[in-house]
Amino acid sequence: MVFRGGRRGRPGLLGTVARTAVVAGTAKATSNAMDRRSQRKASEQQAQYDQYEQQQAPPPQQQAAPAAPPAGDDLVSKLQELGRLHQSGVLSDEEFAAAKARLLS
């Protein structure tokens, strides 16, 4: 009778542990590779988006300082403000008349 070495049938404890380690290691390596690929792809997309935004953004324009309103408009706006304050009850009739007289003189 010829004896063969090794076990027949199911693997022993050491074989099961080794197979589990190989499967887990392969799964981890595959997962890491997929994560790196997705991160690289996301960073490429972000770079493309940033480049697109820079192309689409209008160049910054310098805004001219607003011109000072003419003195007549300033007087009119102050009188309108006084009228609003008087109508809202903040200024009494005497205060309104005095303020208006100061502006017009």
PDB file of N, CA and C in Angstrom:
ATOM      1  N   MET A   1       0.815  -1.147   0.000  1.00  0.00           N
ATOM      2  CA  MET A   1       0.000   0.000   0.000  1.00  0.00           C
ATOM      3  C   MET A   1       0.882   1.241   0.000  1.00  0.00           C
ATOM      4  N   VAL A   2       0.458   2.193  -0.816  1.00  0.00           N
ATOM      5  CA  VAL A   2       1.242   3.405  -0.923  1.00  0.00           C
ATOM      6  C   VAL A   2       0.577   4.479  -0.076  1.00  0.00           C
ATOM      7  N   PHE A   3       1.382   5.077   0.775  1.00  0.00           N
ATOM      8  CA  PHE A   3       0.845   6.165   1.596  1.00  0.00           C
ATOM      9  C   PHE A   3       1.176   7.510   0.947  1.00  0.00           C
ATOM     10  N   ARG A   4       0.201   8.324   0.885  1.00  0.00           N
ATOM     11  CA  ARG A   4       0.442   9.673   0.357  1.00  0.00           C
ATOM     12  C   ARG A   4       0.558  10.641   1.521  1.00  0.00           C
ATOM     13  N   GLY A   5       1.381  11.682   1.300  1.00  0.00           N
ATOM     14  CA  GLY A   5       1.517  12.681   2.346  1.00  0.00           C
ATOM     15  C   GLY A   5       0.372  13.688   2.274  1.00  0.00           C
ATOM     16  N   GLY A   6       0.096  14.311   3.374  1.00  0.00           N
ATOM     17  CA  GLY A   6      -0.922  15.350   3.424  1.00  0.00           C
ATOM     18  C   GLY A   6      -2.281  14.818   3.793  1.00  0.00           C
ATOM     19  N   ARG A   7      -3.163  15.724   3.945  1.00  0.00           N
ATOM     20  CA  ARG A   7      -4.526  15.382   4.341  1.00  0.00           C
ATOM     21  C   ARG A   7      -5.436  15.330   3.152  1.00  0.00           C
ATOM     22  N   ARG A   8      -6.449  14.581   3.247  1.00  0.00           N
ATOM     23  CA  ARG A   8      -7.477  14.531   2.229  1.00  0.00           C
ATOM     24  C   ARG A   8      -8.716  15.213   2.761  1.00  0.00           C
ATOM     25  N   GLY A   9      -9.478  15.811   1.838  1.00  0.00           N
ATOM     26  CA  GLY A   9     -10.728  16.415   2.268  1.00  0.00           C
ATOM     27  C   GLY A   9     -10.539  17.886   2.628  1.00  0.00           C
ATOM     28  N   ARG A  10     -11.183  18.263   3.693  1.00  0.00           N
ATOM     29  CA  ARG A  10     -11.142  19.676   4.102  1.00  0.00           C
ATOM     30  C   ARG A  10      -9.767  20.036   4.626  1.00  0.00           C
ATOM     31  N   PRO A  11      -9.386  21.361   4.431  1.00  0.00           N
ATOM     32  CA  PRO A  11      -8.079  21.769   4.941  1.00  0.00           C
ATOM     33  C   PRO A  11      -8.119  21.873   6.462  1.00  0.00           C
ATOM     34  N   GLY A  12      -6.978  21.756   7.045  1.00  0.00           N
ATOM     35  CA  GLY A  12      -6.905  21.852   8.494  1.00  0.00           C
ATOM     36  C   GLY A  12      -7.004  23.310   8.942  1.00  0.00           C
ATOM     37  N   LEU A  13      -6.758  23.509  10.208  1.00  0.00           N
ATOM     38  CA  LEU A  13      -6.868  24.839  10.795  1.00  0.00           C
ATOM     39  C   LEU A  13      -5.877  25.800  10.156  1.00  0.00           C
ATOM     40  N   LEU A  14      -4.666  25.383   9.958  1.00  0.00           N
ATOM     41  CA  LEU A  14      -3.644  26.240   9.375  1.00  0.00           C
ATOM     42  C   LEU A  14      -3.999  26.613   7.931  1.00  0.00           C
ATOM     43  N   GLY A  15      -4.524  25.693   7.176  1.00  0.00           N
ATOM     44  CA  GLY A  15      -4.937  25.968   5.792  1.00  0.00           C
ATOM     45  C   GLY A  15      -6.091  26.967   5.743  1.00  0.00           C
ATOM     46  N   THR A  16      -7.021  26.840   6.662  1.00  0.00           N
ATOM     47  CA  THR A  16      -8.160  27.759   6.724  1.00  0.00           C
ATOM     48  C   THR A  16      -7.690  29.164   7.074  1.00  0.00           C
ATOM     49  N   VAL A  17      -6.785  29.277   8.036  1.00  0.00           N
ATOM     50  CA  VAL A  17      -6.258  30.581   8.430  1.00  0.00           C
ATOM     51  C   VAL A  17      -5.497  31.204   7.266  1.00  0.00           C
ATOM     52  N   ALA A  18      -4.717  30.428   6.565  1.00  0.00           N
ATOM     53  CA  ALA A  18      -3.947  30.941   5.439  1.00  0.00           C
ATOM     54  C   ALA A  18      -4.877  31.408   4.322  1.00  0.00           C
ATOM     55  N   ARG A  19      -5.894  30.643   4.014  1.00  0.00           N
ATOM     56  CA  ARG A  19      -6.836  31.022   2.969  1.00  0.00           C
ATOM     57  C   ARG A  19      -7.572  32.310   3.361  1.00  0.00           C
ATOM     58  N   THR A  20      -7.986  32.422   4.610  1.00  0.00           N
ATOM     59  CA  THR A  20      -8.664  33.620   5.092  1.00  0.00           C
ATOM     60  C   THR A  20      -7.752  34.833   4.983  1.00  0.00           C
ATOM     61  N   ALA A  21      -6.481  34.664   5.324  1.00  0.00           N
ATOM     62  CA  ALA A  21      -5.530  35.774   5.236  1.00  0.00           C
ATOM     63  C   ALA A  21      -5.346  36.211   3.790  1.00  0.00           C
ATOM     64  N   VAL A  22      -5.279  35.284   2.876  1.00  0.00           N
ATOM     65  CA  VAL A  22      -5.113  35.626   1.463  1.00  0.00           C
ATOM     66  C   VAL A  22      -6.345  36.365   0.951  1.00  0.00           C
ATOM     67  N   VAL A  23      -7.517  35.882   1.286  1.00  0.00           N
ATOM     68  CA  VAL A  23      -8.761  36.523   0.831  1.00  0.00           C
ATOM     69  C   VAL A  23      -8.881  37.927   1.423  1.00  0.00           C
ATOM     70  N   ALA A  24      -8.608  38.067   2.716  1.00  0.00           N
ATOM     71  CA  ALA A  24      -8.706  39.374   3.367  1.00  0.00           C
ATOM     72  C   ALA A  24      -7.666  40.337   2.809  1.00  0.00           C
ATOM     73  N   GLY A  25      -6.459  39.879   2.591  1.00  0.00           N
ATOM     74  CA  GLY A  25      -5.415  40.726   2.031  1.00  0.00           C
ATOM     75  C   GLY A  25      -5.754  41.183   0.627  1.00  0.00           C
ATOM     76  N   THR A  26      -6.290  40.284  -0.176  1.00  0.00           N
ATOM     77  CA  THR A  26      -6.680  40.637  -1.536  1.00  0.00           C
ATOM     78  C   THR A  26      -7.815  41.660  -1.523  1.00  0.00           C
ATOM     79  N   ALA A  27      -8.779  41.454  -0.627  1.00  0.00           N
ATOM     80  CA  ALA A  27      -9.896  42.389  -0.531  1.00  0.00           C
ATOM     81  C   ALA A  27      -9.412  43.771  -0.095  1.00  0.00           C
ATOM     82  N   LYS A  28      -8.500  43.806   0.857  1.00  0.00           N
ATOM     83  CA  LYS A  28      -7.970  45.085   1.347  1.00  0.00           C
ATOM     84  C   LYS A  28      -7.176  45.789   0.253  1.00  0.00           C
ATOM     85  N   ALA A  29      -6.354  45.061  -0.479  1.00  0.00           N
ATOM     86  CA  ALA A  29      -5.563  45.656  -1.552  1.00  0.00           C
ATOM     87  C   ALA A  29      -6.474  46.197  -2.651  1.00  0.00           C
ATOM     88  N   THR A  30      -7.513  45.449  -2.980  1.00  0.00           N
ATOM     89  CA  THR A  30      -8.462  45.902  -3.996  1.00  0.00           C
ATOM     90  C   THR A  30      -9.197  47.144  -3.528  1.00  0.00           C
ATOM     91  N   SER A  31      -9.605  47.156  -2.280  1.00  0.00           N
ATOM     92  CA  SER A  31     -10.310  48.309  -1.714  1.00  0.00           C
ATOM     93  C   SER A  31      -9.422  49.550  -1.717  1.00  0.00           C
ATOM     94  N   ASN A  32      -8.162  49.384  -1.310  1.00  0.00           N
ATOM     95  CA  ASN A  32      -7.226  50.515  -1.306  1.00  0.00           C
ATOM     96  C   ASN A  32      -7.007  51.053  -2.720  1.00  0.00           C
ATOM     97  N   ALA A  33      -6.875  50.151  -3.685  1.00  0.00           N
ATOM     98  CA  ALA A  33      -6.667  50.576  -5.071  1.00  0.00           C
ATOM     99  C   ALA A  33      -7.880  51.341  -5.585  1.00  0.00           C
ATOM    100  N   MET A  34      -9.068  50.893  -5.240  1.00  0.00           N
ATOM    101  CA  MET A  34     -10.280  51.583  -5.668  1.00  0.00           C
ATOM    102  C   MET A  34     -10.388  52.952  -5.000  1.00  0.00           C
ATOM    103  N   ASP A  35     -10.034  53.039  -3.708  1.00  0.00           N
ATOM    104  CA  ASP A  35     -10.062  54.323  -3.007  1.00  0.00           C
ATOM    105  C   ASP A  35      -9.088  55.316  -3.632  1.00  0.00           C
ATOM    106  N   ARG A  36      -7.872  54.861  -3.923  1.00  0.00           N
ATOM    107  CA  ARG A  36      -6.890  55.752  -4.555  1.00  0.00           C
ATOM    108  C   ARG A  36      -7.375  56.212  -5.917  1.00  0.00           C
ATOM    109  N   ARG A  37      -7.975  55.310  -6.665  1.00  0.00           N
ATOM    110  CA  ARG A  37      -8.477  55.679  -7.996  1.00  0.00           C
ATOM    111  C   ARG A  37      -9.592  56.701  -7.870  1.00  0.00           C
ATOM    112  N   SER A  38     -10.532  56.496  -6.929  1.00  0.00           N
ATOM    113  CA  SER A  38     -11.620  57.470  -6.776  1.00  0.00           C
ATOM    114  C   SER A  38     -11.109  58.813  -6.299  1.00  0.00           C
ATOM    115  N   GLN A  39     -10.111  58.820  -5.404  1.00  0.00           N
ATOM    116  CA  GLN A  39      -9.551  60.091  -4.945  1.00  0.00           C
ATOM    117  C   GLN A  39      -8.841  60.807  -6.084  1.00  0.00           C
ATOM    118  N   ARG A  40      -8.105  60.076  -6.891  1.00  0.00           N
ATOM    119  CA  ARG A  40      -7.413  60.685  -8.029  1.00  0.00           C
ATOM    120  C   ARG A  40      -8.422  61.249  -9.024  1.00  0.00           C
ATOM    121  N   LYS A  41      -9.471  60.495  -9.275  1.00  0.00           N
ATOM    122  CA  LYS A  41     -10.497  60.941 -10.209  1.00  0.00           C
ATOM    123  C   LYS A  41     -11.214  62.183  -9.673  1.00  0.00           C
ATOM    124  N   ALA A  42     -11.512  62.200  -8.377  1.00  0.00           N
ATOM    125  CA  ALA A  42     -12.185  63.355  -7.775  1.00  0.00           C
ATOM    126  C   ALA A  42     -11.296  64.595  -7.823  1.00  0.00           C
ATOM    127  N   SER A  43      -9.989  64.417  -7.566  1.00  0.00           N
ATOM    128  CA  SER A  43      -9.095  65.576  -7.606  1.00  0.00           C
ATOM    129  C   SER A  43      -8.941  66.096  -9.034  1.00  0.00           C
ATOM    130  N   GLU A  44      -8.941  65.196 -10.016  1.00  0.00           N
ATOM    131  CA  GLU A  44      -8.885  65.630 -11.415  1.00  0.00           C
ATOM    132  C   GLU A  44     -10.150  66.400 -11.787  1.00  0.00           C
ATOM    133  N   GLN A  45     -11.286  65.911 -11.341  1.00  0.00           N
ATOM    134  CA  GLN A  45     -12.540  66.602 -11.629  1.00  0.00           C
ATOM    135  C   GLN A  45     -12.566  67.970 -10.958  1.00  0.00           C
ATOM    136  N   GLN A  46     -12.073  68.046  -9.725  1.00  0.00           N
ATOM    137  CA  GLN A  46     -12.033  69.322  -9.017  1.00  0.00           C
ATOM    138  C   GLN A  46     -11.115  70.302  -9.740  1.00  0.00           C
ATOM    139  N   ALA A  47      -9.981  69.820 -10.228  1.00  0.00           N
ATOM    140  CA  ALA A  47      -9.054  70.685 -10.963  1.00  0.00           C
ATOM    141  C   ALA A  47      -9.709  71.186 -12.249  1.00  0.00           C
ATOM    142  N   GLN A  48     -10.422  70.310 -12.948  1.00  0.00           N
ATOM    143  CA  GLN A  48     -11.114  70.722 -14.165  1.00  0.00           C
ATOM    144  C   GLN A  48     -12.194  71.747 -13.845  1.00  0.00           C
ATOM    145  N   TYR A  49     -12.920  71.527 -12.750  1.00  0.00           N
ATOM    146  CA  TYR A  49     -13.971  72.460 -12.349  1.00  0.00           C
ATOM    147  C   TYR A  49     -13.384  73.823 -11.985  1.00  0.00           C
ATOM    148  N   ASP A  50     -12.287  73.822 -11.235  1.00  0.00           N
ATOM    149  CA  ASP A  50     -11.632  75.078 -10.875  1.00  0.00           C
ATOM    150  C   ASP A  50     -11.159  75.827 -12.118  1.00  0.00           C
ATOM    151  N   GLN A  51     -10.590  75.082 -13.061  1.00  0.00           N
ATOM    152  CA  GLN A  51     -10.121  75.703 -14.297  1.00  0.00           C
ATOM    153  C   GLN A  51     -11.308  76.284 -15.077  1.00  0.00           C
ATOM    154  N   TYR A  52     -12.407  75.561 -15.120  1.00  0.00           N
ATOM    155  CA  TYR A  52     -13.601  76.044 -15.808  1.00  0.00           C
ATOM    156  C   TYR A  52     -14.130  77.309 -15.144  1.00  0.00           C
ATOM    157  N   GLU A  53     -14.173  77.315 -13.816  1.00  0.00           N
ATOM    158  CA  GLU A  53     -14.652  78.486 -13.073  1.00  0.00           C
ATOM    159  C   GLU A  53     -13.778  79.700 -13.350  1.00  0.00           C
ATOM    160  N   GLN A  54     -12.476  79.498 -13.428  1.00  0.00           N
ATOM    161  CA  GLN A  54     -11.576  80.615 -13.698  1.00  0.00           C
ATOM    162  C   GLN A  54     -11.807  81.159 -15.100  1.00  0.00           C
ATOM    163  N   GLN A  55     -12.108  80.290 -16.035  1.00  0.00           N
ATOM    164  CA  GLN A  55     -12.357  80.737 -17.400  1.00  0.00           C
ATOM    165  C   GLN A  55     -13.682  81.474 -17.503  1.00  0.00           C
ATOM    166  N   GLN A  56     -14.686  81.037 -16.731  1.00  0.00           N
ATOM    167  CA  GLN A  56     -16.013  81.613 -16.819  1.00  0.00           C
ATOM    168  C   GLN A  56     -16.167  82.892 -16.008  1.00  0.00           C
ATOM    169  N   ALA A  57     -15.344  83.062 -14.994  1.00  0.00           N
ATOM    170  CA  ALA A  57     -15.475  84.237 -14.127  1.00  0.00           C
ATOM    171  C   ALA A  57     -15.064  85.486 -14.897  1.00  0.00           C
ATOM    172  N   PRO A  58     -15.877  86.526 -14.823  1.00  0.00           N
ATOM    173  CA  PRO A  58     -15.492  87.757 -15.504  1.00  0.00           C
ATOM    174  C   PRO A  58     -14.301  88.387 -14.799  1.00  0.00           C
ATOM    175  N   PRO A  59     -13.462  89.076 -15.549  1.00  0.00           N
ATOM    176  CA  PRO A  59     -12.308  89.701 -14.901  1.00  0.00           C
ATOM    177  C   PRO A  59     -12.779  90.763 -13.913  1.00  0.00           C
ATOM    178  N   PRO A  60     -12.083  90.891 -12.807  1.00  0.00           N
ATOM    179  CA  PRO A  60     -12.513  91.879 -11.814  1.00  0.00           C
ATOM    180  C   PRO A  60     -12.421  93.280 -12.410  1.00  0.00           C
ATOM    181  N   GLN A  61     -13.483  94.020 -12.253  1.00  0.00           N
ATOM    182  CA  GLN A  61     -13.521  95.373 -12.781  1.00  0.00           C
ATOM    183  C   GLN A  61     -13.386  96.357 -11.635  1.00  0.00           C
ATOM    184  N   GLN A  62     -12.658  97.393 -11.906  1.00  0.00           N
ATOM    185  CA  GLN A  62     -12.519  98.421 -10.889  1.00  0.00           C
ATOM    186  C   GLN A  62     -13.735  99.319 -10.989  1.00  0.00           C
ATOM    187  N   GLN A  63     -14.369  99.492  -9.858  1.00  0.00           N
ATOM    188  CA  GLN A  63     -15.554 100.326  -9.845  1.00  0.00           C
ATOM    189  C   GLN A  63     -15.143 101.754  -9.548  1.00  0.00           C
ATOM    190  N   ALA A  64     -15.688 102.654 -10.338  1.00  0.00           N
ATOM    191  CA  ALA A  64     -15.399 104.061 -10.119  1.00  0.00           C
ATOM    192  C   ALA A  64     -16.140 104.527  -8.872  1.00  0.00           C
ATOM    193  N   ALA A  65     -15.526 105.420  -8.145  1.00  0.00           N
ATOM    194  CA  ALA A  65     -16.168 105.964  -6.950  1.00  0.00           C
ATOM    195  C   ALA A  65     -17.389 106.757  -7.386  1.00  0.00           C
ATOM    196  N   PRO A  66     -18.508 106.615  -6.675  1.00  0.00           N
ATOM    197  CA  PRO A  66     -19.698 107.348  -7.068  1.00  0.00           C
ATOM    198  C   PRO A  66     -19.458 108.852  -6.957  1.00  0.00           C
ATOM    199  N   ALA A  67     -19.965 109.543  -7.939  1.00  0.00           N
ATOM    200  CA  ALA A  67     -19.790 110.997  -7.939  1.00  0.00           C
ATOM    201  C   ALA A  67     -20.630 111.610  -6.828  1.00  0.00           C
ATOM    202  N   ALA A  68     -20.126 112.672  -6.255  1.00  0.00           N
ATOM    203  CA  ALA A  68     -20.866 113.353  -5.192  1.00  0.00           C
ATOM    204  C   ALA A  68     -22.119 113.971  -5.792  1.00  0.00           C
ATOM    205  N   PRO A  69     -23.268 113.809  -5.128  1.00  0.00           N
ATOM    206  CA  PRO A  69     -24.494 114.375  -5.677  1.00  0.00           C
ATOM    207  C   PRO A  69     -24.427 115.903  -5.648  1.00  0.00           C
ATOM    208  N   PRO A  70     -25.082 116.528  -6.586  1.00  0.00           N
ATOM    209  CA  PRO A  70     -25.103 117.980  -6.574  1.00  0.00           C
ATOM    210  C   PRO A  70     -25.739 118.499  -5.293  1.00  0.00           C
ATOM    211  N   ALA A  71     -25.399 119.723  -4.942  1.00  0.00           N
ATOM    212  CA  ALA A  71     -25.878 120.296  -3.687  1.00  0.00           C
ATOM    213  C   ALA A  71     -27.395 120.368  -3.647  1.00  0.00           C
ATOM    214  N   GLY A  72     -28.034 120.593  -4.785  1.00  0.00           N
ATOM    215  CA  GLY A  72     -29.495 120.686  -4.829  1.00  0.00           C
ATOM    216  C   GLY A  72     -30.140 119.363  -4.440  1.00  0.00           C
ATOM    217  N   ASP A  73     -29.591 118.245  -4.937  1.00  0.00           N
ATOM    218  CA  ASP A  73     -30.139 116.934  -4.591  1.00  0.00           C
ATOM    219  C   ASP A  73     -29.933 116.639  -3.121  1.00  0.00           C
ATOM    220  N   ASP A  74     -28.810 117.059  -2.582  1.00  0.00           N
ATOM    221  CA  ASP A  74     -28.530 116.834  -1.172  1.00  0.00           C
ATOM    222  C   ASP A  74     -29.552 117.560  -0.307  1.00  0.00           C
ATOM    223  N   LEU A  75     -29.873 118.774  -0.660  1.00  0.00           N
ATOM    224  CA  LEU A  75     -30.843 119.565   0.086  1.00  0.00           C
ATOM    225  C   LEU A  75     -32.219 118.919   0.006  1.00  0.00           C
ATOM    226  N   VAL A  76     -32.571 118.458  -1.194  1.00  0.00           N
ATOM    227  CA  VAL A  76     -33.874 117.822  -1.378  1.00  0.00           C
ATOM    228  C   VAL A  76     -33.957 116.548  -0.544  1.00  0.00           C
ATOM    229  N   SER A  77     -32.904 115.743  -0.556  1.00  0.00           N
ATOM    230  CA  SER A  77     -32.935 114.491   0.207  1.00  0.00           C
ATOM    231  C   SER A  77     -33.010 114.769   1.706  1.00  0.00           C
ATOM    232  N   LYS A  78     -32.328 115.805   2.168  1.00  0.00           N
ATOM    233  CA  LYS A  78     -32.410 116.151   3.599  1.00  0.00           C
ATOM    234  C   LYS A  78     -33.806 116.626   3.970  1.00  0.00           C
ATOM    235  N   LEU A  79     -34.425 117.413   3.098  1.00  0.00           N
ATOM    236  CA  LEU A  79     -35.791 117.871   3.372  1.00  0.00           C
ATOM    237  C   LEU A  79     -36.772 116.699   3.374  1.00  0.00           C
ATOM    238  N   GLN A  80     -36.563 115.757   2.452  1.00  0.00           N
ATOM    239  CA  GLN A  80     -37.434 114.574   2.429  1.00  0.00           C
ATOM    240  C   GLN A  80     -37.266 113.754   3.700  1.00  0.00           C
ATOM    241  N   GLU A  81     -36.038 113.635   4.146  1.00  0.00           N
ATOM    242  CA  GLU A  81     -35.781 112.890   5.391  1.00  0.00           C
ATOM    243  C   GLU A  81     -36.448 113.578   6.573  1.00  0.00           C
ATOM    244  N   LEU A  82     -36.332 114.904   6.623  1.00  0.00           N
ATOM    245  CA  LEU A  82     -37.009 115.653   7.695  1.00  0.00           C
ATOM    246  C   LEU A  82     -38.515 115.435   7.642  1.00  0.00           C
ATOM    247  N   GLY A  83     -39.090 115.438   6.416  1.00  0.00           N
ATOM    248  CA  GLY A  83     -40.527 115.208   6.263  1.00  0.00           C
ATOM    249  C   GLY A  83     -40.931 113.832   6.768  1.00  0.00           C
ATOM    250  N   ARG A  84     -40.115 112.816   6.467  1.00  0.00           N
ATOM    251  CA  ARG A  84     -40.411 111.452   6.953  1.00  0.00           C
ATOM    252  C   ARG A  84     -40.342 111.386   8.470  1.00  0.00           C
ATOM    253  N   LEU A  85     -39.337 112.036   9.037  1.00  0.00           N
ATOM    254  CA  LEU A  85     -39.211 112.035  10.499  1.00  0.00           C
ATOM    255  C   LEU A  85     -40.399 112.757  11.145  1.00  0.00           C
ATOM    256  N   HIS A  86     -40.851 113.849  10.523  1.00  0.00           N
ATOM    257  CA  HIS A  86     -41.987 114.602  11.060  1.00  0.00           C
ATOM    258  C   HIS A  86     -43.270 113.784  10.975  1.00  0.00           C
ATOM    259  N   GLN A  87     -43.477 113.099   9.834  1.00  0.00           N
ATOM    260  CA  GLN A  87     -44.686 112.289   9.659  1.00  0.00           C
ATOM    261  C   GLN A  87     -44.698 111.093  10.599  1.00  0.00           C
ATOM    262  N   SER A  88     -43.527 110.531  10.877  1.00  0.00           N
ATOM    263  CA  SER A  88     -43.486 109.365  11.763  1.00  0.00           C
ATOM    264  C   SER A  88     -43.629 109.762  13.227  1.00  0.00           C
ATOM    265  N   GLY A  89     -43.549 111.051  13.508  1.00  0.00           N
ATOM    266  CA  GLY A  89     -43.751 111.512  14.880  1.00  0.00           C
ATOM    267  C   GLY A  89     -42.462 111.672  15.654  1.00  0.00           C
ATOM    268  N   VAL A  90     -41.331 111.475  15.024  1.00  0.00           N
ATOM    269  CA  VAL A  90     -40.049 111.627  15.714  1.00  0.00           C
ATOM    270  C   VAL A  90     -39.792 113.103  15.995  1.00  0.00           C
ATOM    271  N   LEU A  91     -40.158 113.972  15.031  1.00  0.00           N
ATOM    272  CA  LEU A  91     -39.966 115.413  15.196  1.00  0.00           C
ATOM    273  C   LEU A  91     -41.314 116.075  15.444  1.00  0.00           C
ATOM    274  N   SER A  92     -41.324 117.005  16.378  1.00  0.00           N
ATOM    275  CA  SER A  92     -42.549 117.787  16.603  1.00  0.00           C
ATOM    276  C   SER A  92     -42.635 118.868  15.541  1.00  0.00           C
ATOM    277  N   ASP A  93     -43.770 119.591  15.513  1.00  0.00           N
ATOM    278  CA  ASP A  93     -43.945 120.649  14.519  1.00  0.00           C
ATOM    279  C   ASP A  93     -42.879 121.729  14.670  1.00  0.00           C
ATOM    280  N   GLU A  94     -42.550 122.093  15.910  1.00  0.00           N
ATOM    281  CA  GLU A  94     -41.556 123.142  16.147  1.00  0.00           C
ATOM    282  C   GLU A  94     -40.160 122.687  15.716  1.00  0.00           C
ATOM    283  N   GLU A  95     -39.811 121.443  16.043  1.00  0.00           N
ATOM    284  CA  GLU A  95     -38.494 120.918  15.671  1.00  0.00           C
ATOM    285  C   GLU A  95     -38.364 120.828  14.147  1.00  0.00           C
ATOM    286  N   PHE A  96     -39.440 120.403  13.508  1.00  0.00           N
ATOM    287  CA  PHE A  96     -39.430 120.293  12.052  1.00  0.00           C
ATOM    288  C   PHE A  96     -39.234 121.661  11.408  1.00  0.00           C
ATOM    289  N   ALA A  97     -39.968 122.667  11.902  1.00  0.00           N
ATOM    290  CA  ALA A  97     -39.870 124.014  11.340  1.00  0.00           C
ATOM    291  C   ALA A  97     -38.474 124.582  11.546  1.00  0.00           C
ATOM    292  N   ALA A  98     -37.881 124.352  12.733  1.00  0.00           N
ATOM    293  CA  ALA A  98     -36.545 124.875  13.018  1.00  0.00           C
ATOM    294  C   ALA A  98     -35.499 124.199  12.126  1.00  0.00           C
ATOM    295  N   ALA A  99     -35.588 122.895  11.957  1.00  0.00           N
ATOM    296  CA  ALA A  99     -34.632 122.171  11.136  1.00  0.00           C
ATOM    297  C   ALA A  99     -34.753 122.574   9.673  1.00  0.00           C
ATOM    298  N   LYS A 100     -35.976 122.761   9.220  1.00  0.00           N
ATOM    299  CA  LYS A 100     -36.207 123.168   7.839  1.00  0.00           C
ATOM    300  C   LYS A 100     -35.664 124.574   7.597  1.00  0.00           C
ATOM    301  N   ALA A 101     -35.837 125.454   8.566  1.00  0.00           N
ATOM    302  CA  ALA A 101     -35.337 126.822   8.438  1.00  0.00           C
ATOM    303  C   ALA A 101     -33.812 126.808   8.390  1.00  0.00           C
ATOM    304  N   ARG A 102     -33.156 125.946   9.180  1.00  0.00           N
ATOM    305  CA  ARG A 102     -31.685 125.852   9.162  1.00  0.00           C
ATOM    306  C   ARG A 102     -31.192 125.367   7.800  1.00  0.00           C
ATOM    307  N   LEU A 103     -31.901 124.384   7.211  1.00  0.00           N
ATOM    308  CA  LEU A 103     -31.483 123.865   5.920  1.00  0.00           C
ATOM    309  C   LEU A 103     -31.680 124.902   4.807  1.00  0.00           C
ATOM    310  N   LEU A 104     -32.756 125.644   4.853  1.00  0.00           N
ATOM    311  CA  LEU A 104     -33.042 126.576   3.778  1.00  0.00           C
ATOM    312  C   LEU A 104     -32.269 127.876   3.889  1.00  0.00           C
ATOM    313  N   SER A 105     -31.721 128.176   5.055  1.00  0.00           N
ATOM    314  CA  SER A 105     -30.988 129.446   5.174  1.00  0.00           C
ATOM    315  C   SER A 105     -29.522 129.288   4.847  1.00  0.00           C
TER     316      SER A 105
END
